[in-house]
Amino acid sequence: MKINYGAVLRTFIAILGSLIIILPLLLIVLGSLKSPAEAAKLDLSLPSKWMWSNYKTVFVEGRLLNGFKNSVLVTVSTVALTVGAGSMCAFFLSRRLGRWVSYLFIFFFAGMIAPPSMIPSIKLMQSLHISGEYIGLILFLAALYLPLTIFIMSGFVKTLPRELDEAATIDGAGSFYTFFRVIFPLLKPSIATVTVFISIYAWNDFANTLYIISDSSKWTLPFSVYNFVSQYGTEWQFVFADLLSVMLPMLVVYLFLQRYIIEGMTAGSVKG
């Protein structure tokens, strides 16, 4: 029997890649249910006693509900603002012709590469009196993720036939009506893709939130891990339980929207 070495190599790489993801996750799951002494070993052994009370401790003493409320507010607002503004920009850039439009697209694309400038951004927010407020963080994150949104959505808009726009124009529809009633409902795959990416980025954001939000009562869910470590030191069982609690909401979002993601990411590869 002839051995397909290519298939064997691909299978080995797939298994290796899966282990790289699964083993750390398994370490966290098992560690979250161990006693302090067992969790401190950071190994994959089963707990001698399953400590489900670790999650109760994390929720109560780690103030997860307050962090969850703040994270939902910031994440939902960031996604809504980014999708709304990004989809309109993508529609404009994909339907207009001209060299200046190409330059404008390159300008937005450069935003995916250039690092954010925190000091000028904070100074601007201070002058607008929104530094330390949710609105300042939401606007900053929306501006940060807008280039990626435009890049993904513009590729999808280009697959939609221009005849849709022309038919709406013949019927007397303006640009805004054409976009919101004809084009936007067809962007579901790209909207789902952007929603997953932006939700994960905004939900897990730490550094930007730390710079912009100084009030600990307004901190988002990832900060519960930071506060918990500073309070309990090396009690890893609580840290692991906290990490899983932070991870679970985004996992649910991904599972609900995963069937749209591949379609949204590959839509721009073939122009209709």
C-alpha atoms as a PDB file:
ATOM      1  CA  MET A   1       0.000   0.000   0.000  1.00  0.00           C
ATOM      2  CA  LYS A   2       1.375   3.377  -1.022  1.00  0.00           C
ATOM      3  CA  ILE A   3       1.728   5.848   1.819  1.00  0.00           C
ATOM      4  CA  ASN A   4       0.614   9.397   1.169  1.00  0.00           C
ATOM      5  CA  TYR A   5       3.342  11.245   3.027  1.00  0.00           C
ATOM      6  CA  GLY A   6       1.690  14.600   2.342  1.00  0.00           C
ATOM      7  CA  ALA A   7      -1.528  13.517   4.055  1.00  0.00           C
ATOM      8  CA  VAL A   8       0.438  12.055   6.973  1.00  0.00           C
ATOM      9  CA  LEU A   9       2.368  15.310   7.376  1.00  0.00           C
ATOM     10  CA  ARG A  10      -0.820  17.390   7.266  1.00  0.00           C
ATOM     11  CA  THR A  11      -2.461  15.131   9.839  1.00  0.00           C
ATOM     12  CA  PHE A  12       0.559  15.396  12.131  1.00  0.00           C
ATOM     13  CA  ILE A  13       0.592  19.194  11.843  1.00  0.00           C
ATOM     14  CA  ALA A  14      -3.161  19.318  12.540  1.00  0.00           C
ATOM     15  CA  ILE A  15      -2.776  17.139  15.638  1.00  0.00           C
ATOM     16  CA  LEU A  16       0.165  19.209  16.860  1.00  0.00           C
ATOM     17  CA  GLY A  17      -1.739  22.427  16.331  1.00  0.00           C
ATOM     18  CA  SER A  18      -4.765  21.045  18.156  1.00  0.00           C
ATOM     19  CA  LEU A  19      -2.637  20.012  21.127  1.00  0.00           C
ATOM     20  CA  ILE A  20      -1.112  23.504  21.311  1.00  0.00           C
ATOM     21  CA  ILE A  21      -4.651  24.860  21.791  1.00  0.00           C
ATOM     22  CA  ILE A  22      -6.262  22.048  23.771  1.00  0.00           C
ATOM     23  CA  LEU A  23      -3.573  21.391  26.389  1.00  0.00           C
ATOM     24  CA  PRO A  24      -3.439  24.952  27.822  1.00  0.00           C
ATOM     25  CA  LEU A  25      -7.243  25.051  27.826  1.00  0.00           C
ATOM     26  CA  LEU A  26      -7.379  21.707  29.618  1.00  0.00           C
ATOM     27  CA  LEU A  27      -4.853  23.010  32.136  1.00  0.00           C
ATOM     28  CA  ILE A  28      -7.126  25.970  32.882  1.00  0.00           C
ATOM     29  CA  VAL A  29     -10.289  23.841  33.140  1.00  0.00           C
ATOM     30  CA  LEU A  30      -8.728  21.314  35.517  1.00  0.00           C
ATOM     31  CA  GLY A  31      -6.886  23.990  37.500  1.00  0.00           C
ATOM     32  CA  SER A  32     -10.101  25.919  38.102  1.00  0.00           C
ATOM     33  CA  LEU A  33     -11.532  22.930  39.972  1.00  0.00           C
ATOM     34  CA  LYS A  34      -8.521  22.132  42.160  1.00  0.00           C
ATOM     35  CA  SER A  35      -7.481  23.047  45.677  1.00  0.00           C
ATOM     36  CA  PRO A  36      -4.882  25.836  46.097  1.00  0.00           C
ATOM     37  CA  ALA A  37      -1.995  23.391  46.567  1.00  0.00           C
ATOM     38  CA  GLU A  38      -2.930  21.270  43.526  1.00  0.00           C
ATOM     39  CA  ALA A  39      -3.591  24.265  41.261  1.00  0.00           C
ATOM     40  CA  ALA A  40      -0.192  25.752  42.126  1.00  0.00           C
ATOM     41  CA  LYS A  41       1.511  22.739  40.504  1.00  0.00           C
ATOM     42  CA  LEU A  42       0.208  23.868  37.075  1.00  0.00           C
ATOM     43  CA  ASP A  43      -0.092  20.325  35.735  1.00  0.00           C
ATOM     44  CA  LEU A  44      -2.748  18.263  33.940  1.00  0.00           C
ATOM     45  CA  SER A  45      -3.532  15.897  36.811  1.00  0.00           C
ATOM     46  CA  LEU A  46      -7.149  15.411  37.857  1.00  0.00           C
ATOM     47  CA  PRO A  47      -8.297  17.122  41.068  1.00  0.00           C
ATOM     48  CA  SER A  48      -8.438  14.920  44.146  1.00  0.00           C
ATOM     49  CA  LYS A  49     -11.633  16.818  45.003  1.00  0.00           C
ATOM     50  CA  TRP A  50     -13.664  18.801  42.485  1.00  0.00           C
ATOM     51  CA  MET A  51     -13.847  22.330  43.918  1.00  0.00           C
ATOM     52  CA  TRP A  52     -16.920  23.802  42.192  1.00  0.00           C
ATOM     53  CA  SER A  53     -17.032  26.427  44.929  1.00  0.00           C
ATOM     54  CA  ASN A  54     -14.091  28.159  43.218  1.00  0.00           C
ATOM     55  CA  TYR A  55     -16.505  29.651  40.690  1.00  0.00           C
ATOM     56  CA  LYS A  56     -18.776  30.982  43.418  1.00  0.00           C
ATOM     57  CA  THR A  57     -15.799  32.641  45.079  1.00  0.00           C
ATOM     58  CA  VAL A  58     -14.738  34.209  41.800  1.00  0.00           C
ATOM     59  CA  PHE A  59     -18.205  35.583  41.048  1.00  0.00           C
ATOM     60  CA  VAL A  60     -18.685  37.038  44.513  1.00  0.00           C
ATOM     61  CA  GLU A  61     -15.228  38.264  45.502  1.00  0.00           C
ATOM     62  CA  GLY A  62     -14.012  38.959  41.975  1.00  0.00           C
ATOM     63  CA  ARG A  63     -17.083  41.160  41.255  1.00  0.00           C
ATOM     64  CA  LEU A  64     -17.632  39.481  37.909  1.00  0.00           C
ATOM     65  CA  LEU A  65     -21.161  40.765  37.497  1.00  0.00           C
ATOM     66  CA  ASN A  66     -20.019  44.396  37.597  1.00  0.00           C
ATOM     67  CA  GLY A  67     -17.224  43.659  35.133  1.00  0.00           C
ATOM     68  CA  PHE A  68     -19.640  41.734  32.930  1.00  0.00           C
ATOM     69  CA  LYS A  69     -22.051  44.687  32.823  1.00  0.00           C
ATOM     70  CA  ASN A  70     -19.243  47.072  31.882  1.00  0.00           C
ATOM     71  CA  SER A  71     -17.873  44.700  29.225  1.00  0.00           C
ATOM     72  CA  VAL A  72     -21.292  44.239  27.617  1.00  0.00           C
ATOM     73  CA  LEU A  73     -21.812  48.003  27.456  1.00  0.00           C
ATOM     74  CA  VAL A  74     -18.407  48.685  25.910  1.00  0.00           C
ATOM     75  CA  THR A  75     -18.412  45.694  23.541  1.00  0.00           C
ATOM     76  CA  VAL A  76     -21.967  46.100  22.210  1.00  0.00           C
ATOM     77  CA  SER A  77     -21.540  49.849  21.713  1.00  0.00           C
ATOM     78  CA  THR A  78     -18.174  49.410  19.991  1.00  0.00           C
ATOM     79  CA  VAL A  79     -19.506  46.724  17.657  1.00  0.00           C
ATOM     80  CA  ALA A  80     -22.646  48.729  16.778  1.00  0.00           C
ATOM     81  CA  LEU A  81     -20.668  51.905  16.062  1.00  0.00           C
ATOM     82  CA  THR A  82     -17.946  50.107  14.118  1.00  0.00           C
ATOM     83  CA  VAL A  83     -20.347  48.052  12.004  1.00  0.00           C
ATOM     84  CA  GLY A  84     -22.567  51.055  11.280  1.00  0.00           C
ATOM     85  CA  ALA A  85     -19.757  53.409  10.266  1.00  0.00           C
ATOM     86  CA  GLY A  86     -17.630  50.713   8.612  1.00  0.00           C
ATOM     87  CA  SER A  87     -20.421  49.351   6.436  1.00  0.00           C
ATOM     88  CA  MET A  88     -21.296  52.816   5.122  1.00  0.00           C
ATOM     89  CA  CYS A  89     -17.633  53.593   4.396  1.00  0.00           C
ATOM     90  CA  ALA A  90     -17.212  50.227   2.674  1.00  0.00           C
ATOM     91  CA  PHE A  91     -20.279  50.873   0.502  1.00  0.00           C
ATOM     92  CA  PHE A  92     -18.994  54.306  -0.483  1.00  0.00           C
ATOM     93  CA  LEU A  93     -15.453  53.137  -1.265  1.00  0.00           C
ATOM     94  CA  SER A  94     -16.667  50.115  -3.235  1.00  0.00           C
ATOM     95  CA  ARG A  95     -19.188  51.980  -5.370  1.00  0.00           C
ATOM     96  CA  ARG A  96     -17.266  55.155  -6.167  1.00  0.00           C
ATOM     97  CA  LEU A  97     -14.601  55.368  -8.856  1.00  0.00           C
ATOM     98  CA  GLY A  98     -11.562  57.612  -9.003  1.00  0.00           C
ATOM     99  CA  ARG A  99      -7.977  57.831  -7.892  1.00  0.00           C
ATOM    100  CA  TRP A 100      -8.853  59.787  -4.757  1.00  0.00           C
ATOM    101  CA  VAL A 101     -11.103  56.911  -3.660  1.00  0.00           C
ATOM    102  CA  SER A 102      -8.152  54.536  -4.012  1.00  0.00           C
ATOM    103  CA  TYR A 103      -6.018  56.873  -1.922  1.00  0.00           C
ATOM    104  CA  LEU A 104      -8.759  57.024   0.698  1.00  0.00           C
ATOM    105  CA  PHE A 105      -8.908  53.219   0.833  1.00  0.00           C
ATOM    106  CA  ILE A 106      -5.116  53.073   1.273  1.00  0.00           C
ATOM    107  CA  PHE A 107      -5.446  55.618   4.074  1.00  0.00           C
ATOM    108  CA  PHE A 108      -7.923  53.391   5.907  1.00  0.00           C
ATOM    109  CA  PHE A 109      -5.827  50.312   5.175  1.00  0.00           C
ATOM    110  CA  ALA A 110      -2.813  52.003   6.756  1.00  0.00           C
ATOM    111  CA  GLY A 111      -4.849  52.202   9.949  1.00  0.00           C
ATOM    112  CA  MET A 112      -4.567  48.412  10.232  1.00  0.00           C
ATOM    113  CA  ILE A 113      -0.775  48.689  10.334  1.00  0.00           C
ATOM    114  CA  ALA A 114      -0.021  51.907  12.204  1.00  0.00           C
ATOM    115  CA  PRO A 115      -0.023  51.549  16.009  1.00  0.00           C
ATOM    116  CA  PRO A 116      -2.424  53.776  17.939  1.00  0.00           C
ATOM    117  CA  SER A 117      -0.971  56.929  19.500  1.00  0.00           C
ATOM    118  CA  MET A 118      -2.187  56.878  23.077  1.00  0.00           C
ATOM    119  CA  ILE A 119      -0.845  60.227  24.311  1.00  0.00           C
ATOM    120  CA  PRO A 120      -2.453  62.400  21.573  1.00  0.00           C
ATOM    121  CA  SER A 121      -5.656  60.338  21.874  1.00  0.00           C
ATOM    122  CA  ILE A 122      -5.848  60.838  25.634  1.00  0.00           C
ATOM    123  CA  LYS A 123      -5.098  64.558  25.240  1.00  0.00           C
ATOM    124  CA  LEU A 124      -7.919  64.831  22.704  1.00  0.00           C
ATOM    125  CA  MET A 125     -10.320  63.005  25.009  1.00  0.00           C
ATOM    126  CA  GLN A 126      -9.334  65.249  27.901  1.00  0.00           C
ATOM    127  CA  SER A 127     -10.062  68.342  25.809  1.00  0.00           C
ATOM    128  CA  LEU A 128     -13.473  66.865  24.938  1.00  0.00           C
ATOM    129  CA  HIS A 129     -14.068  65.912  28.595  1.00  0.00           C
ATOM    130  CA  ILE A 130     -14.620  62.249  27.763  1.00  0.00           C
ATOM    131  CA  SER A 131     -11.409  60.833  29.221  1.00  0.00           C
ATOM    132  CA  GLY A 132     -12.195  58.281  31.922  1.00  0.00           C
ATOM    133  CA  GLU A 133     -15.702  57.784  30.519  1.00  0.00           C
ATOM    134  CA  TYR A 134     -17.226  54.884  28.623  1.00  0.00           C
ATOM    135  CA  ILE A 135     -17.869  57.077  25.582  1.00  0.00           C
ATOM    136  CA  GLY A 136     -14.162  57.882  25.291  1.00  0.00           C
ATOM    137  CA  LEU A 137     -13.184  54.220  25.400  1.00  0.00           C
ATOM    138  CA  ILE A 138     -15.936  53.240  22.934  1.00  0.00           C
ATOM    139  CA  LEU A 139     -14.947  55.919  20.407  1.00  0.00           C
ATOM    140  CA  PHE A 140     -11.267  54.974  20.720  1.00  0.00           C
ATOM    141  CA  LEU A 141     -11.932  51.253  20.182  1.00  0.00           C
ATOM    142  CA  ALA A 142     -14.301  51.963  17.288  1.00  0.00           C
ATOM    143  CA  ALA A 143     -11.655  54.096  15.568  1.00  0.00           C
ATOM    144  CA  LEU A 144      -9.060  51.402  16.249  1.00  0.00           C
ATOM    145  CA  TYR A 145     -11.087  48.606  14.637  1.00  0.00           C
ATOM    146  CA  LEU A 146     -12.738  50.630  11.864  1.00  0.00           C
ATOM    147  CA  PRO A 147      -9.990  49.952   9.250  1.00  0.00           C
ATOM    148  CA  LEU A 148     -10.373  46.177   9.670  1.00  0.00           C
ATOM    149  CA  THR A 149     -14.141  46.509   9.343  1.00  0.00           C
ATOM    150  CA  ILE A 150     -13.853  48.537   6.132  1.00  0.00           C
ATOM    151  CA  PHE A 151     -11.305  46.096   4.691  1.00  0.00           C
ATOM    152  CA  ILE A 152     -13.543  43.055   5.281  1.00  0.00           C
ATOM    153  CA  MET A 153     -16.827  44.673   4.258  1.00  0.00           C
ATOM    154  CA  SER A 154     -15.547  46.417   1.130  1.00  0.00           C
ATOM    155  CA  GLY A 155     -14.499  43.054  -0.290  1.00  0.00           C
ATOM    156  CA  PHE A 156     -18.008  41.726   0.305  1.00  0.00           C
ATOM    157  CA  VAL A 157     -19.765  44.805  -1.109  1.00  0.00           C
ATOM    158  CA  LYS A 158     -17.783  44.401  -4.341  1.00  0.00           C
ATOM    159  CA  THR A 159     -19.390  40.981  -4.847  1.00  0.00           C
ATOM    160  CA  LEU A 160     -22.860  42.560  -4.906  1.00  0.00           C
ATOM    161  CA  PRO A 161     -23.988  43.526  -8.437  1.00  0.00           C
ATOM    162  CA  ARG A 162     -24.280  47.216  -9.204  1.00  0.00           C
ATOM    163  CA  GLU A 163     -27.625  46.492 -10.847  1.00  0.00           C
ATOM    164  CA  LEU A 164     -29.133  46.492  -7.340  1.00  0.00           C
ATOM    165  CA  ASP A 165     -28.095  50.120  -6.888  1.00  0.00           C
ATOM    166  CA  GLU A 166     -29.279  51.072 -10.367  1.00  0.00           C
ATOM    167  CA  ALA A 167     -32.677  49.452  -9.856  1.00  0.00           C
ATOM    168  CA  ALA A 168     -33.142  51.307  -6.561  1.00  0.00           C
ATOM    169  CA  THR A 169     -32.108  54.580  -8.202  1.00  0.00           C
ATOM    170  CA  ILE A 170     -34.606  54.070 -11.029  1.00  0.00           C
ATOM    171  CA  ASP A 171     -37.298  53.593  -8.390  1.00  0.00           C
ATOM    172  CA  GLY A 172     -36.343  56.977  -6.930  1.00  0.00           C
ATOM    173  CA  ALA A 173     -34.311  55.801  -3.946  1.00  0.00           C
ATOM    174  CA  GLY A 174     -31.476  57.932  -2.648  1.00  0.00           C
ATOM    175  CA  SER A 175     -28.064  56.725  -1.550  1.00  0.00           C
ATOM    176  CA  PHE A 176     -29.001  56.266   2.111  1.00  0.00           C
ATOM    177  CA  TYR A 177     -32.209  54.408   1.282  1.00  0.00           C
ATOM    178  CA  THR A 178     -30.359  52.185  -1.190  1.00  0.00           C
ATOM    179  CA  PHE A 179     -27.749  51.323   1.379  1.00  0.00           C
ATOM    180  CA  PHE A 180     -30.003  50.663   4.382  1.00  0.00           C
ATOM    181  CA  ARG A 181     -32.865  48.919   2.561  1.00  0.00           C
ATOM    182  CA  VAL A 182     -31.041  47.108  -0.270  1.00  0.00           C
ATOM    183  CA  ILE A 183     -27.336  46.661   0.482  1.00  0.00           C
ATOM    184  CA  PHE A 184     -27.122  46.422   4.276  1.00  0.00           C
ATOM    185  CA  PRO A 185     -29.458  43.389   4.601  1.00  0.00           C
ATOM    186  CA  LEU A 186     -27.196  41.510   2.148  1.00  0.00           C
ATOM    187  CA  LEU A 187     -24.090  42.123   4.277  1.00  0.00           C
ATOM    188  CA  LYS A 188     -25.064  39.524   6.896  1.00  0.00           C
ATOM    189  CA  PRO A 189     -21.965  37.278   6.436  1.00  0.00           C
ATOM    190  CA  SER A 190     -19.511  40.174   6.651  1.00  0.00           C
ATOM    191  CA  ILE A 191     -21.423  41.712   9.563  1.00  0.00           C
ATOM    192  CA  ALA A 192     -21.223  38.406  11.442  1.00  0.00           C
ATOM    193  CA  THR A 193     -17.499  38.133  10.707  1.00  0.00           C
ATOM    194  CA  VAL A 194     -16.772  41.668  11.877  1.00  0.00           C
ATOM    195  CA  THR A 195     -19.025  41.213  14.917  1.00  0.00           C
ATOM    196  CA  VAL A 196     -17.046  38.188  16.082  1.00  0.00           C
ATOM    197  CA  PHE A 197     -13.639  39.798  15.551  1.00  0.00           C
ATOM    198  CA  ILE A 198     -14.515  43.174  17.076  1.00  0.00           C
ATOM    199  CA  SER A 199     -16.366  41.556  19.982  1.00  0.00           C
ATOM    200  CA  ILE A 200     -13.345  39.429  20.860  1.00  0.00           C
ATOM    201  CA  TYR A 201     -10.949  42.376  20.578  1.00  0.00           C
ATOM    202  CA  ALA A 202     -13.134  44.764  22.583  1.00  0.00           C
ATOM    203  CA  TRP A 203     -14.104  42.154  25.176  1.00  0.00           C
ATOM    204  CA  ASN A 204     -10.480  41.202  25.869  1.00  0.00           C
ATOM    205  CA  ASP A 205      -9.040  44.714  25.635  1.00  0.00           C
ATOM    206  CA  PHE A 206      -6.828  45.490  28.608  1.00  0.00           C
ATOM    207  CA  ALA A 207      -4.125  48.037  27.845  1.00  0.00           C
ATOM    208  CA  ASN A 208      -6.358  50.641  26.168  1.00  0.00           C
ATOM    209  CA  THR A 209      -8.968  50.373  28.907  1.00  0.00           C
ATOM    210  CA  LEU A 210      -6.276  50.737  31.559  1.00  0.00           C
ATOM    211  CA  TYR A 211      -5.016  53.953  29.946  1.00  0.00           C
ATOM    212  CA  ILE A 212      -8.430  55.518  29.366  1.00  0.00           C
ATOM    213  CA  ILE A 213     -10.546  54.333  32.327  1.00  0.00           C
ATOM    214  CA  SER A 214      -9.077  55.175  35.730  1.00  0.00           C
ATOM    215  CA  ASP A 215     -12.151  54.408  37.846  1.00  0.00           C
ATOM    216  CA  SER A 216     -11.982  50.745  38.919  1.00  0.00           C
ATOM    217  CA  SER A 217     -15.792  50.565  39.142  1.00  0.00           C
ATOM    218  CA  LYS A 218     -15.892  51.093  35.347  1.00  0.00           C
ATOM    219  CA  TRP A 219     -13.292  48.459  34.505  1.00  0.00           C
ATOM    220  CA  THR A 220     -14.284  45.660  32.162  1.00  0.00           C
ATOM    221  CA  LEU A 221     -14.259  41.912  32.789  1.00  0.00           C
ATOM    222  CA  PRO A 222     -10.561  41.183  31.995  1.00  0.00           C
ATOM    223  CA  PHE A 223      -9.617  43.390  34.932  1.00  0.00           C
ATOM    224  CA  SER A 224     -11.268  40.950  37.312  1.00  0.00           C
ATOM    225  CA  VAL A 225      -8.311  38.639  36.628  1.00  0.00           C
ATOM    226  CA  TYR A 226      -5.862  41.454  37.320  1.00  0.00           C
ATOM    227  CA  ASN A 227      -7.554  42.442  40.571  1.00  0.00           C
ATOM    228  CA  PHE A 228      -7.924  38.865  41.654  1.00  0.00           C
ATOM    229  CA  VAL A 229      -4.243  38.095  41.207  1.00  0.00           C
ATOM    230  CA  SER A 230      -3.223  41.201  43.114  1.00  0.00           C
ATOM    231  CA  GLN A 231      -5.560  40.240  45.935  1.00  0.00           C
ATOM    232  CA  TYR A 232      -4.937  36.501  46.188  1.00  0.00           C
ATOM    233  CA  GLY A 233      -1.398  36.214  44.869  1.00  0.00           C
ATOM    234  CA  THR A 234      -0.643  32.690  43.667  1.00  0.00           C
ATOM    235  CA  GLU A 235      -4.036  31.081  44.257  1.00  0.00           C
ATOM    236  CA  TRP A 236      -4.243  29.874  40.675  1.00  0.00           C
ATOM    237  CA  GLN A 237      -7.528  27.993  41.061  1.00  0.00           C
ATOM    238  CA  PHE A 238      -9.362  31.330  41.251  1.00  0.00           C
ATOM    239  CA  VAL A 239      -7.359  32.773  38.368  1.00  0.00           C
ATOM    240  CA  PHE A 240      -8.254  29.818  36.137  1.00  0.00           C
ATOM    241  CA  ALA A 241     -11.934  29.975  37.107  1.00  0.00           C
ATOM    242  CA  ASP A 242     -11.901  33.684  36.321  1.00  0.00           C
ATOM    243  CA  LEU A 243     -10.265  33.141  32.931  1.00  0.00           C
ATOM    244  CA  LEU A 244     -12.917  30.601  31.941  1.00  0.00           C
ATOM    245  CA  SER A 245     -15.696  32.934  33.060  1.00  0.00           C
ATOM    246  CA  VAL A 246     -14.243  35.745  30.928  1.00  0.00           C
ATOM    247  CA  MET A 247     -13.816  33.428  27.944  1.00  0.00           C
ATOM    248  CA  LEU A 248     -17.282  31.834  27.946  1.00  0.00           C
ATOM    249  CA  PRO A 249     -19.410  34.750  26.568  1.00  0.00           C
ATOM    250  CA  MET A 250     -17.198  35.182  23.491  1.00  0.00           C
ATOM    251  CA  LEU A 251     -17.230  31.429  22.905  1.00  0.00           C
ATOM    252  CA  VAL A 252     -21.035  31.548  22.815  1.00  0.00           C
ATOM    253  CA  VAL A 253     -20.968  34.451  20.333  1.00  0.00           C
ATOM    254  CA  TYR A 254     -18.568  32.545  18.103  1.00  0.00           C
ATOM    255  CA  LEU A 255     -20.659  29.352  18.152  1.00  0.00           C
ATOM    256  CA  PHE A 256     -23.788  31.243  17.103  1.00  0.00           C
ATOM    257  CA  LEU A 257     -22.066  33.131  14.251  1.00  0.00           C
ATOM    258  CA  GLN A 258     -19.433  30.670  13.060  1.00  0.00           C
ATOM    259  CA  ARG A 259     -21.368  29.552   9.974  1.00  0.00           C
ATOM    260  CA  TYR A 260     -21.169  33.089   8.578  1.00  0.00           C
ATOM    261  CA  ILE A 261     -17.486  33.709   9.279  1.00  0.00           C
ATOM    262  CA  ILE A 262     -15.901  31.704   6.437  1.00  0.00           C
ATOM    263  CA  GLU A 263     -18.347  33.118   3.920  1.00  0.00           C
ATOM    264  CA  GLY A 264     -17.653  36.647   5.132  1.00  0.00           C
ATOM    265  CA  MET A 265     -13.878  36.211   5.034  1.00  0.00           C
ATOM    266  CA  THR A 266     -13.767  34.629   1.564  1.00  0.00           C
ATOM    267  CA  ALA A 267     -16.434  36.772  -0.096  1.00  0.00           C
ATOM    268  CA  GLY A 268     -13.907  39.265  -1.421  1.00  0.00           C
ATOM    269  CA  SER A 269     -11.835  36.614  -3.182  1.00  0.00           C
ATOM    270  CA  VAL A 270     -14.303  36.362  -6.096  1.00  0.00           C
ATOM    271  CA  LYS A 271     -15.784  39.526  -7.417  1.00  0.00           C
ATOM    272  CA  GLY A 272     -19.334  39.282  -8.673  1.00  0.00           C
END
